[in-house]
Amino acid sequence: MTSTDIRSAVSTAAAETQQWPIRLWGMLITLCIVLFLDGLDVSMIGVALPSIGSELGLETSTLQWLVSGYVLGYGGLLLLGGRTADLLGRRKVFLIALAVFAVASLAGGLVSSGPLLILTRFIKGLAAAFTAPTGLSIITTTFAEGPARNKALSIYTVFGAGGYSMGLLFGGLMTGFGWRWTFLLPVPIALAALVAAFYLVPKDKPADEGGHDLFGALLSTAGMLLLVYTVVSAPEAGWLSARTVLSFLAAVALFAGFVAVEKRVRYPLVRLGILRKPTLWRASLAIIAVAGSFFSWQFITTLYLQDTLGWTPLHLSLALLPVGILVVSSAFVSDKLVDRFGTGPIIAVTLTVMAIGYLMYLRLDTAPGYLTVLLPAILLIGIGWVGFPAINIQATSGIDDDEQGLAAGVLQTAMQVGAAIVLAVTTAIISSGAVHGPDADPAAVLDNYLPGLQFAAGVAIVGALVALTVYLPGTRARLAAQQESKNLEVELVS
């Protein structure tokens, strides 16, 4: 979809020369702030979980849904969100979704029921499912592919990663005033971003043709929700119980139905051919490893250090602050690193370093020294997020403008749903021991949490190995042959 708005044309021309006017910078920063809020909302709630559980009387397995509810709403409709932006107009979709996000944030700070709180989180996730891929597609269709787009995407995705990491600090600060402030903080920021986006995001025309695959969206969302619910409830029901087995089979059937619908519907939610693009599926696996391992690690760390060792939310936030500082600092160098080394080496190195950080964190004990045990591991884990911009650049490279929203949706769906599943498995692992709380023996609690930390480390290790396989001689030869074949096809067509 090509915009006919004059401002968009001017912005594109400026982007090609990287002489960006103030208005273009304003649009980019506005989109960055909204993505920052998306990340902030996931991690900020993590610090507040013990306080919410204590006030509302929620168990660990229920608290997990405050994270997973948002992530599932986010991931469940990301594909529809990206496609809707391509079809109806990016500016319109972005503004409506951002307004819903603000209203749901306000509602979350006012309710006093666990189920209602989870519902508001789910609705916020639904809104983010439209703002995130729309914002990314606005950028990728405004900035020319190459150094200009790399620079814009690096800034954009660093804000997103910064939201995940800085949410720990904001969560600690807000929880000090009361956990409800973790829900209310995004409200004025979202409203200010809404006003700015109204004036700064250029108007664009809807696609000339196309349609919505609502049935496909329903099948995919239902399959994702059922899969995560089954994993979370399996320890209580039994992994081999009839309910668990039937739920898994039902989830598989829903996903199979989704694939069948996508093959036959006139306007599919996902053009299945795009999933065969190596850069997209490799980036998707990498982002699952980064987000899934980090959310699980943060979930366990928050419960152990606050609930068991008695750390205050602010104490925990300051301890994890180096992750945020490291991610924000990377904004000044990430695009230059991509231009020099390419996305593949950066993803492989940062994921490997992140995995080493998790392994070092397994030295955790009942009286961990910050400088000797926690800080070295935290810094290495934070480096994993430095590769976040490279993952996004890799996923959207070589994608036509009319499918940029779809590619962004696929990547972020992989991140959110993959992270939700990894977190669900982690929660199932640690819930099976049922040893937690301020009155429990710290050594016993740590023994109960250790398998969950090991699982998070394993996810990061698998992601690093997948990223490193591209450098094996056989893999490199196959990729080179695929690229040569693609170039030949382009020459024949031209």
Protein backbone atom coordinates (compact mmCIF):
# COMPACT_ATOMS: atom_id res chain seq x y z
CA MET A 1 0.00 0.00 0.00
CA THR A 2 1.48 3.34 -1.08
CA SER A 3 0.56 6.56 0.73
CA THR A 4 -0.52 9.50 -1.38
CA ASP A 5 -0.09 11.94 1.46
CA ILE A 6 2.47 14.64 0.67
CA ARG A 7 3.99 14.47 4.13
CA SER A 8 4.68 10.77 3.67
CA ALA A 9 6.44 11.42 0.38
CA VAL A 10 8.56 14.15 1.94
CA SER A 11 9.41 11.89 4.85
CA THR A 12 10.44 9.08 2.52
CA ALA A 13 12.70 11.36 0.52
CA ALA A 14 14.27 12.68 3.69
CA ALA A 15 14.72 9.16 5.02
CA GLU A 16 16.67 8.14 1.93
CA THR A 17 19.28 10.81 2.59
CA GLN A 18 18.99 10.51 6.40
CA GLN A 19 18.43 14.30 6.56
CA TRP A 20 15.38 13.89 8.74
CA PRO A 21 13.20 16.92 9.49
CA ILE A 22 11.87 17.58 12.98
CA ARG A 23 8.40 16.37 12.00
CA LEU A 24 9.77 12.99 10.91
CA TRP A 25 11.77 12.70 14.12
CA GLY A 26 8.59 13.54 16.05
CA MET A 27 6.68 10.75 14.32
CA LEU A 28 9.46 8.24 15.00
CA ILE A 29 9.74 9.18 18.68
CA THR A 30 5.95 8.97 19.09
CA LEU A 31 5.92 5.45 17.65
CA CYS A 32 8.87 4.58 19.88
CA ILE A 33 7.04 5.77 23.00
CA VAL A 34 4.04 3.58 22.21
CA LEU A 35 6.27 0.53 21.72
CA PHE A 36 8.05 1.44 24.97
CA LEU A 37 4.66 1.31 26.71
CA ASP A 38 4.00 -2.16 25.27
CA GLY A 39 7.25 -3.49 26.72
CA LEU A 40 6.84 -1.52 29.94
CA ASP A 41 3.44 -3.07 30.57
CA VAL A 42 4.80 -6.63 30.38
CA SER A 43 7.75 -6.21 32.75
CA MET A 44 6.37 -3.57 35.12
CA ILE A 45 3.57 -5.86 36.22
CA GLY A 46 6.15 -8.52 37.09
CA VAL A 47 7.57 -6.47 39.97
CA ALA A 48 4.06 -5.81 41.30
CA LEU A 49 2.96 -9.48 41.27
CA PRO A 50 3.77 -10.24 44.94
CA SER A 51 1.85 -7.14 46.10
CA ILE A 52 -1.13 -7.96 43.86
CA GLY A 53 -1.17 -11.57 45.02
CA SER A 54 -1.04 -10.55 48.66
CA GLU A 55 -3.86 -7.96 48.43
CA LEU A 56 -6.18 -9.97 46.17
CA GLY A 57 -5.31 -13.42 47.50
CA LEU A 58 -4.09 -14.86 44.18
CA GLU A 59 -1.97 -18.01 43.85
CA THR A 60 1.23 -18.19 41.78
CA SER A 61 -0.54 -20.03 38.94
CA THR A 62 -3.17 -17.25 38.81
CA LEU A 63 -0.60 -14.46 39.01
CA GLN A 64 1.06 -15.92 35.94
CA TRP A 65 -2.10 -15.06 33.99
CA LEU A 66 -1.58 -11.35 34.70
CA VAL A 67 1.50 -11.68 32.51
CA SER A 68 0.22 -14.32 30.11
CA GLY A 69 -3.20 -12.66 29.73
CA TYR A 70 -1.55 -9.57 28.27
CA VAL A 71 0.93 -11.56 26.23
CA LEU A 72 -1.77 -13.83 24.80
CA GLY A 73 -4.06 -10.95 23.88
CA TYR A 74 -1.02 -9.34 22.30
CA GLY A 75 0.14 -12.43 20.44
CA GLY A 76 -3.28 -13.84 19.62
CA LEU A 77 -4.32 -11.00 17.31
CA LEU A 78 -0.96 -9.67 16.12
CA LEU A 79 -1.40 -11.29 12.73
CA LEU A 80 -4.83 -9.74 12.34
CA GLY A 81 -3.46 -6.43 13.63
CA GLY A 82 -0.68 -6.31 11.05
CA ARG A 83 -2.99 -7.32 8.22
CA THR A 84 -5.67 -4.83 9.32
CA ALA A 85 -3.12 -2.02 9.18
CA ASP A 86 -2.18 -3.00 5.63
CA LEU A 87 -5.84 -3.07 4.55
CA LEU A 88 -7.62 -0.27 6.43
CA GLY A 89 -4.86 2.29 6.79
CA ARG A 90 -2.03 2.36 9.30
CA ARG A 91 -2.79 5.73 10.86
CA LYS A 92 -6.46 4.92 11.53
CA VAL A 93 -5.71 1.52 13.08
CA PHE A 94 -2.89 2.95 15.20
CA LEU A 95 -5.00 5.76 16.69
CA ILE A 96 -8.00 3.55 17.54
CA ALA A 97 -5.86 0.84 19.14
CA LEU A 98 -3.88 3.35 21.19
CA ALA A 99 -7.10 4.86 22.56
CA VAL A 100 -8.33 1.40 23.63
CA PHE A 101 -4.98 0.76 25.31
CA ALA A 102 -5.33 3.94 27.39
CA VAL A 103 -8.90 3.11 28.48
CA ALA A 104 -7.98 -0.47 29.44
CA SER A 105 -4.99 0.83 31.45
CA LEU A 106 -7.30 3.10 33.43
CA ALA A 107 -9.76 0.26 34.07
CA GLY A 108 -6.96 -2.00 35.32
CA GLY A 109 -6.02 0.51 37.99
CA LEU A 110 -9.59 0.69 39.31
CA VAL A 111 -10.80 -2.95 39.55
CA SER A 112 -10.34 -5.11 42.65
CA SER A 113 -11.11 -8.56 41.28
CA GLY A 114 -8.52 -11.02 40.03
CA PRO A 115 -10.56 -12.15 36.99
CA LEU A 116 -11.43 -8.54 36.05
CA LEU A 117 -7.79 -7.56 36.40
CA ILE A 118 -6.77 -10.37 34.06
CA LEU A 119 -9.51 -9.26 31.64
CA THR A 120 -8.18 -5.70 31.49
CA ARG A 121 -4.71 -7.09 30.86
CA PHE A 122 -6.07 -9.19 27.99
CA ILE A 123 -7.81 -6.17 26.43
CA LYS A 124 -4.62 -4.13 26.70
CA GLY A 125 -2.83 -6.94 24.94
CA LEU A 126 -5.43 -6.89 22.17
CA ALA A 127 -4.85 -3.16 21.70
CA ALA A 128 -1.08 -3.64 21.61
CA ALA A 129 -1.61 -6.34 18.97
CA PHE A 130 -2.69 -3.54 16.64
CA THR A 131 -0.33 -0.72 17.71
CA ALA A 132 2.91 -2.75 17.57
CA PRO A 133 2.83 -4.16 14.02
CA THR A 134 1.19 -0.97 12.74
CA GLY A 135 3.94 1.19 14.20
CA LEU A 136 6.61 -1.06 12.75
CA SER A 137 4.98 -1.07 9.29
CA ILE A 138 4.67 2.74 9.36
CA ILE A 139 8.43 2.89 9.85
CA THR A 140 9.34 0.26 7.26
CA THR A 141 7.15 1.88 4.60
CA THR A 142 8.47 5.37 5.38
CA PHE A 143 12.21 4.71 5.58
CA ALA A 144 14.05 3.22 2.61
CA GLU A 145 15.59 -0.22 3.13
CA GLY A 146 19.27 0.07 4.00
CA PRO A 147 21.10 2.39 6.41
CA ALA A 148 18.12 4.75 6.85
CA ARG A 149 15.72 1.95 7.80
CA ASN A 150 18.37 0.26 9.95
CA LYS A 151 18.84 3.47 11.88
CA ALA A 152 15.10 4.00 12.35
CA LEU A 153 14.45 0.38 13.33
CA SER A 154 17.39 0.35 15.73
CA ILE A 155 16.00 3.38 17.55
CA TYR A 156 12.48 1.94 17.48
CA THR A 157 13.35 -1.53 18.76
CA VAL A 158 15.75 -0.23 21.39
CA PHE A 159 12.78 1.67 22.83
CA GLY A 160 10.84 -1.60 22.86
CA ALA A 161 13.62 -3.51 24.55
CA GLY A 162 14.10 -0.55 26.89
CA GLY A 163 10.45 -0.84 27.88
CA TYR A 164 10.93 -4.47 28.90
CA SER A 165 14.06 -3.69 30.89
CA MET A 166 13.16 -0.27 32.34
CA GLY A 167 9.77 -1.64 33.38
CA LEU A 168 11.60 -3.29 36.25
CA LEU A 169 12.63 0.12 37.59
CA PHE A 170 9.27 1.78 37.00
CA GLY A 171 7.52 -1.24 38.49
CA GLY A 172 9.53 -0.93 41.67
CA LEU A 173 8.94 2.80 41.96
CA MET A 174 5.20 2.57 41.30
CA THR A 175 4.67 -0.46 43.54
CA GLY A 176 6.20 1.57 46.35
CA PHE A 177 3.14 3.84 46.09
CA GLY A 178 0.77 0.91 45.53
CA TRP A 179 0.48 -1.73 42.82
CA ARG A 180 -2.41 0.11 41.13
CA TRP A 181 0.02 2.79 39.97
CA THR A 182 1.69 0.23 37.73
CA PHE A 183 -1.60 0.16 35.81
CA LEU A 184 -2.26 3.90 35.93
CA LEU A 185 1.19 5.13 34.89
CA PRO A 186 0.72 4.35 31.16
CA VAL A 187 -2.57 6.28 30.95
CA PRO A 188 -1.26 9.89 30.62
CA ILE A 189 1.67 8.73 28.47
CA ALA A 190 -0.67 6.90 26.08
CA LEU A 191 -3.01 9.90 25.85
CA ALA A 192 -0.11 12.26 25.09
CA ALA A 193 1.16 9.85 22.42
CA LEU A 194 -2.36 9.67 20.96
CA VAL A 195 -2.48 13.44 20.48
CA ALA A 196 1.02 13.51 18.99
CA ALA A 197 0.26 10.63 16.61
CA PHE A 198 -2.90 12.37 15.40
CA TYR A 199 -0.80 15.27 14.12
CA LEU A 200 2.46 13.55 13.18
CA VAL A 201 1.57 10.19 11.59
CA PRO A 202 0.83 10.79 7.89
CA LYS A 203 -2.52 9.78 6.45
CA ASP A 204 -2.56 6.82 4.11
CA LYS A 205 -5.15 5.19 1.88
CA PRO A 206 -6.58 1.72 2.57
CA ALA A 207 -5.60 -1.04 0.18
CA ASP A 208 -7.49 -1.10 -3.11
CA GLU A 209 -8.44 -4.73 -2.56
CA GLY A 210 -8.31 -7.30 0.20
CA GLY A 211 -10.37 -8.63 3.04
CA HIS A 212 -10.28 -9.87 6.61
CA ASP A 213 -9.83 -13.50 7.50
CA LEU A 214 -11.82 -13.36 10.74
CA PHE A 215 -12.32 -17.14 10.87
CA GLY A 216 -8.58 -17.67 10.58
CA ALA A 217 -7.97 -15.12 13.32
CA LEU A 218 -10.50 -16.89 15.55
CA LEU A 219 -8.89 -20.30 14.99
CA SER A 220 -5.35 -19.08 15.61
CA THR A 221 -6.27 -17.13 18.75
CA ALA A 222 -8.31 -20.01 20.18
CA GLY A 223 -5.47 -22.44 19.48
CA MET A 224 -2.92 -20.24 21.22
CA LEU A 225 -5.12 -19.66 24.27
CA LEU A 226 -5.96 -23.35 24.62
CA LEU A 227 -2.32 -24.41 24.25
CA VAL A 228 -1.09 -22.10 27.00
CA TYR A 229 -4.03 -22.92 29.28
CA THR A 230 -3.30 -26.62 28.86
CA VAL A 231 0.37 -26.19 29.77
CA VAL A 232 -0.49 -24.08 32.84
CA SER A 233 -3.16 -26.46 34.15
CA ALA A 234 -1.31 -29.71 33.30
CA PRO A 235 0.59 -30.03 36.65
CA GLU A 236 -2.68 -29.93 38.60
CA ALA A 237 -4.66 -32.15 36.22
CA GLY A 238 -1.75 -34.46 35.35
CA TRP A 239 0.32 -34.38 32.19
CA LEU A 240 -1.11 -37.71 31.00
CA SER A 241 -4.66 -37.12 32.22
CA ALA A 242 -7.53 -37.30 29.75
CA ARG A 243 -8.21 -33.57 30.12
CA THR A 244 -4.64 -32.60 29.33
CA VAL A 245 -4.26 -34.97 26.40
CA LEU A 246 -7.60 -33.95 24.89
CA SER A 247 -6.75 -30.27 25.33
CA PHE A 248 -3.46 -30.72 23.50
CA LEU A 249 -5.22 -32.58 20.69
CA ALA A 250 -7.86 -29.86 20.47
CA ALA A 251 -5.13 -27.19 20.21
CA VAL A 252 -3.43 -29.14 17.42
CA ALA A 253 -6.79 -29.45 15.62
CA LEU A 254 -7.36 -25.70 15.87
CA PHE A 255 -3.94 -24.96 14.39
CA ALA A 256 -4.50 -27.53 11.64
CA GLY A 257 -7.83 -25.89 10.86
CA PHE A 258 -6.10 -22.52 10.72
CA VAL A 259 -3.59 -23.80 8.16
CA ALA A 260 -6.40 -25.32 6.08
CA VAL A 261 -8.33 -22.05 6.11
CA GLU A 262 -5.25 -20.04 5.11
CA LYS A 263 -4.71 -22.29 2.10
CA ARG A 264 -8.25 -21.84 0.80
CA VAL A 265 -9.53 -18.43 1.85
CA ARG A 266 -9.36 -15.67 -0.75
CA TYR A 267 -7.67 -13.16 1.55
CA PRO A 268 -5.65 -15.18 4.08
CA LEU A 269 -4.61 -13.78 7.42
CA VAL A 270 -1.15 -15.18 6.72
CA ARG A 271 0.24 -15.88 3.27
CA LEU A 272 1.88 -19.17 4.24
CA GLY A 273 4.65 -18.65 1.71
CA ILE A 274 6.07 -15.82 3.81
CA LEU A 275 6.84 -18.30 6.59
CA ARG A 276 9.36 -20.01 4.30
CA LYS A 277 11.52 -16.91 4.23
CA PRO A 278 14.70 -17.94 6.17
CA THR A 279 15.35 -14.51 7.63
CA LEU A 280 11.82 -14.32 9.07
CA TRP A 281 11.68 -17.73 10.72
CA ARG A 282 15.22 -17.46 12.07
CA ALA A 283 14.42 -14.08 13.54
CA SER A 284 11.22 -15.53 15.03
CA LEU A 285 13.11 -18.36 16.75
CA ALA A 286 15.67 -15.88 18.07
CA ILE A 287 13.03 -13.57 19.50
CA ILE A 288 11.26 -16.47 21.23
CA ALA A 289 14.55 -17.42 22.88
CA VAL A 290 15.26 -13.87 24.04
CA ALA A 291 11.79 -13.00 25.34
CA GLY A 292 10.78 -16.43 26.63
CA SER A 293 13.90 -16.95 28.69
CA PHE A 294 13.88 -13.37 30.01
CA PHE A 295 10.22 -13.34 31.10
CA SER A 296 10.65 -16.68 32.87
CA TRP A 297 13.85 -15.53 34.58
CA GLN A 298 12.24 -12.26 35.67
CA PHE A 299 9.14 -14.07 36.98
CA ILE A 300 11.16 -16.43 39.18
CA THR A 301 13.64 -13.76 40.27
CA THR A 302 10.84 -11.42 41.35
CA LEU A 303 9.05 -14.09 43.40
CA TYR A 304 12.23 -15.39 45.03
CA LEU A 305 13.95 -12.12 45.91
CA GLN A 306 10.78 -10.33 47.05
CA ASP A 307 8.57 -13.06 48.48
CA THR A 308 11.26 -15.28 49.98
CA LEU A 309 14.28 -13.09 50.70
CA GLY A 310 12.20 -10.03 51.59
CA TRP A 311 13.59 -7.56 49.07
CA THR A 312 11.48 -4.45 48.52
CA PRO A 313 10.20 -3.72 44.98
CA LEU A 314 12.53 -0.71 44.76
CA HIS A 315 15.51 -2.79 45.93
CA LEU A 316 14.78 -5.37 43.24
CA SER A 317 14.30 -2.72 40.56
CA LEU A 318 17.60 -1.02 41.31
CA ALA A 319 19.38 -4.37 41.32
CA LEU A 320 18.11 -5.11 37.81
CA LEU A 321 18.55 -1.53 36.53
CA PRO A 322 21.85 -2.32 34.70
CA VAL A 323 19.82 -4.29 32.15
CA GLY A 324 17.87 -1.14 31.24
CA ILE A 325 20.97 1.04 31.14
CA LEU A 326 22.74 -1.44 28.89
CA VAL A 327 19.80 -1.66 26.48
CA VAL A 328 19.27 2.10 26.28
CA SER A 329 22.99 2.69 25.71
CA SER A 330 22.95 0.29 22.77
CA ALA A 331 20.72 2.75 20.85
CA PHE A 332 23.83 4.73 19.93
CA VAL A 333 25.64 1.81 18.28
CA SER A 334 23.12 -0.86 17.22
CA ASP A 335 22.47 0.46 13.70
CA LYS A 336 26.19 0.95 13.10
CA LEU A 337 26.87 -2.62 14.22
CA VAL A 338 24.21 -3.93 11.84
CA ASP A 339 25.60 -1.89 8.93
CA ARG A 340 29.10 -3.23 9.60
CA PHE A 341 28.56 -6.87 10.61
CA GLY A 342 25.04 -7.72 9.44
CA THR A 343 22.20 -9.05 11.56
CA GLY A 344 23.25 -12.70 11.79
CA PRO A 345 26.52 -12.30 13.73
CA ILE A 346 24.97 -9.82 16.16
CA ILE A 347 22.03 -12.13 16.94
CA ALA A 348 24.32 -15.14 17.41
CA VAL A 349 26.78 -13.34 19.69
CA THR A 350 24.20 -11.60 21.89
CA LEU A 351 22.12 -14.76 22.35
CA THR A 352 25.23 -16.74 23.26
CA VAL A 353 26.26 -14.15 25.84
CA MET A 354 22.71 -14.11 27.24
CA ALA A 355 22.76 -17.90 27.64
CA ILE A 356 26.06 -17.68 29.52
CA GLY A 357 24.45 -15.10 31.81
CA TYR A 358 21.63 -17.50 32.72
CA LEU A 359 24.13 -20.26 33.44
CA MET A 360 26.06 -17.92 35.74
CA TYR A 361 22.80 -16.99 37.48
CA LEU A 362 22.37 -20.63 38.54
CA ARG A 363 24.96 -19.88 41.25
CA LEU A 364 22.14 -18.10 43.11
CA ASP A 365 21.95 -18.98 46.79
CA THR A 366 19.99 -17.89 49.87
CA ALA A 367 22.25 -14.88 50.48
CA PRO A 368 23.46 -13.85 47.01
CA GLY A 369 26.23 -11.28 46.80
CA TYR A 370 25.25 -8.57 44.37
CA LEU A 371 28.69 -7.75 42.95
CA THR A 372 29.93 -11.33 42.83
CA VAL A 373 26.82 -13.34 41.91
CA LEU A 374 23.95 -11.19 40.64
CA LEU A 375 25.53 -8.29 38.73
CA PRO A 376 27.80 -10.30 36.38
CA ALA A 377 24.87 -12.51 35.36
CA ILE A 378 22.48 -9.56 35.01
CA LEU A 379 24.87 -7.70 32.69
CA LEU A 380 25.33 -10.73 30.45
CA ILE A 381 21.57 -11.36 30.34
CA GLY A 382 21.03 -7.72 29.39
CA ILE A 383 23.33 -8.10 26.39
CA GLY A 384 20.77 -10.44 24.88
CA TRP A 385 18.43 -7.48 24.44
CA VAL A 386 21.16 -5.54 22.62
CA GLY A 387 20.54 -7.90 19.69
CA PHE A 388 16.82 -7.04 19.66
CA PRO A 389 17.10 -4.39 16.88
CA ALA A 390 19.06 -6.81 14.69
CA ILE A 391 16.29 -9.41 15.05
CA ASN A 392 13.64 -6.94 13.87
CA ILE A 393 15.78 -5.72 10.96
CA GLN A 394 16.45 -9.29 9.86
CA ALA A 395 12.75 -10.23 9.97
CA THR A 396 11.54 -7.34 7.78
CA SER A 397 14.38 -7.20 5.25
CA GLY A 398 13.41 -8.00 1.68
CA ILE A 399 9.65 -7.86 2.42
CA ASP A 400 7.36 -5.97 0.03
CA ASP A 401 5.65 -2.86 1.40
CA ASP A 402 2.21 -4.42 1.22
CA GLU A 403 3.34 -7.25 3.53
CA GLN A 404 5.43 -5.28 6.02
CA GLY A 405 2.57 -5.33 8.53
CA LEU A 406 2.21 -9.08 8.07
CA ALA A 407 5.94 -9.72 8.58
CA ALA A 408 5.92 -7.53 11.69
CA GLY A 409 2.87 -9.39 12.96
CA VAL A 410 4.49 -12.79 12.41
CA LEU A 411 7.64 -11.77 14.28
CA GLN A 412 5.81 -10.23 17.22
CA THR A 413 3.34 -13.12 17.37
CA ALA A 414 6.30 -15.46 17.68
CA MET A 415 7.67 -13.30 20.47
CA GLN A 416 4.50 -12.92 22.49
CA VAL A 417 3.00 -16.39 22.08
CA GLY A 418 6.37 -18.11 22.27
CA ALA A 419 7.20 -16.19 25.45
CA ALA A 420 3.78 -17.02 26.91
CA ILE A 421 4.30 -20.73 26.27
CA VAL A 422 7.82 -20.69 27.72
CA LEU A 423 6.52 -18.82 30.79
CA ALA A 424 3.62 -21.27 31.12
CA VAL A 425 6.02 -24.22 31.08
CA THR A 426 8.27 -22.47 33.60
CA THR A 427 5.30 -21.81 35.88
CA ALA A 428 4.20 -25.43 35.56
CA ILE A 429 7.69 -26.57 36.55
CA ILE A 430 7.94 -24.43 39.67
CA SER A 431 4.28 -24.85 40.68
CA SER A 432 4.71 -28.63 40.87
CA GLY A 433 6.88 -28.18 43.96
CA ALA A 434 4.42 -25.83 45.70
CA VAL A 435 7.13 -24.46 48.00
CA HIS A 436 6.97 -20.67 48.13
CA GLY A 437 5.99 -17.68 50.23
CA PRO A 438 7.63 -15.55 52.93
CA ASP A 439 7.35 -18.26 55.60
CA ALA A 440 8.95 -21.03 53.53
CA ASP A 441 12.55 -22.09 53.99
CA PRO A 442 14.67 -20.09 51.46
CA ALA A 443 16.79 -23.12 50.60
CA ALA A 444 13.70 -25.23 49.90
CA VAL A 445 12.17 -22.45 47.78
CA LEU A 446 15.38 -22.10 45.79
CA ASP A 447 15.49 -25.86 45.19
CA ASN A 448 11.92 -25.59 43.90
CA TYR A 449 12.73 -22.65 41.60
CA LEU A 450 16.06 -23.98 40.29
CA PRO A 451 14.53 -26.27 37.59
CA GLY A 452 12.61 -23.27 36.25
CA LEU A 453 15.82 -21.24 36.02
CA GLN A 454 17.52 -24.16 34.31
CA PHE A 455 14.68 -24.36 31.80
CA ALA A 456 14.98 -20.62 31.02
CA ALA A 457 18.73 -21.09 30.48
CA GLY A 458 18.01 -24.05 28.21
CA VAL A 459 15.67 -21.96 26.03
CA ALA A 460 18.39 -19.32 25.57
CA ILE A 461 20.98 -22.01 24.78
CA VAL A 462 18.75 -23.56 22.10
CA GLY A 463 18.18 -20.10 20.59
CA ALA A 464 21.93 -19.44 20.52
CA LEU A 465 22.62 -22.79 18.85
CA VAL A 466 19.99 -22.11 16.18
CA ALA A 467 21.51 -18.68 15.52
CA LEU A 468 24.99 -20.19 15.27
CA THR A 469 24.00 -22.94 12.80
CA VAL A 470 23.84 -20.41 9.99
CA TYR A 471 27.64 -20.26 10.13
CA LEU A 472 28.07 -23.99 9.50
CA PRO A 473 29.57 -24.60 6.03
CA GLY A 474 26.60 -26.62 4.74
CA THR A 475 24.07 -24.08 5.92
CA ARG A 476 25.98 -21.18 4.45
CA ALA A 477 26.21 -22.95 1.09
CA ARG A 478 22.46 -23.64 1.02
CA LEU A 479 21.61 -20.03 1.90
CA ALA A 480 24.01 -18.76 -0.75
CA ALA A 481 22.42 -21.06 -3.35
CA GLN A 482 18.94 -19.84 -2.35
CA GLN A 483 20.02 -16.21 -2.71
CA GLU A 484 21.62 -16.89 -6.10
CA SER A 485 18.43 -18.59 -7.29
CA LYS A 486 16.37 -15.64 -6.09
CA ASN A 487 18.65 -13.16 -7.89
CA LEU A 488 18.36 -15.22 -11.09
CA GLU A 489 14.56 -15.16 -10.87
CA VAL A 490 14.60 -11.38 -10.48
CA GLU A 491 16.86 -11.04 -13.54
CA LEU A 492 14.62 -13.29 -15.64
CA VAL A 493 11.51 -11.32 -14.63
CA SER A 494 13.16 -8.01 -15.43
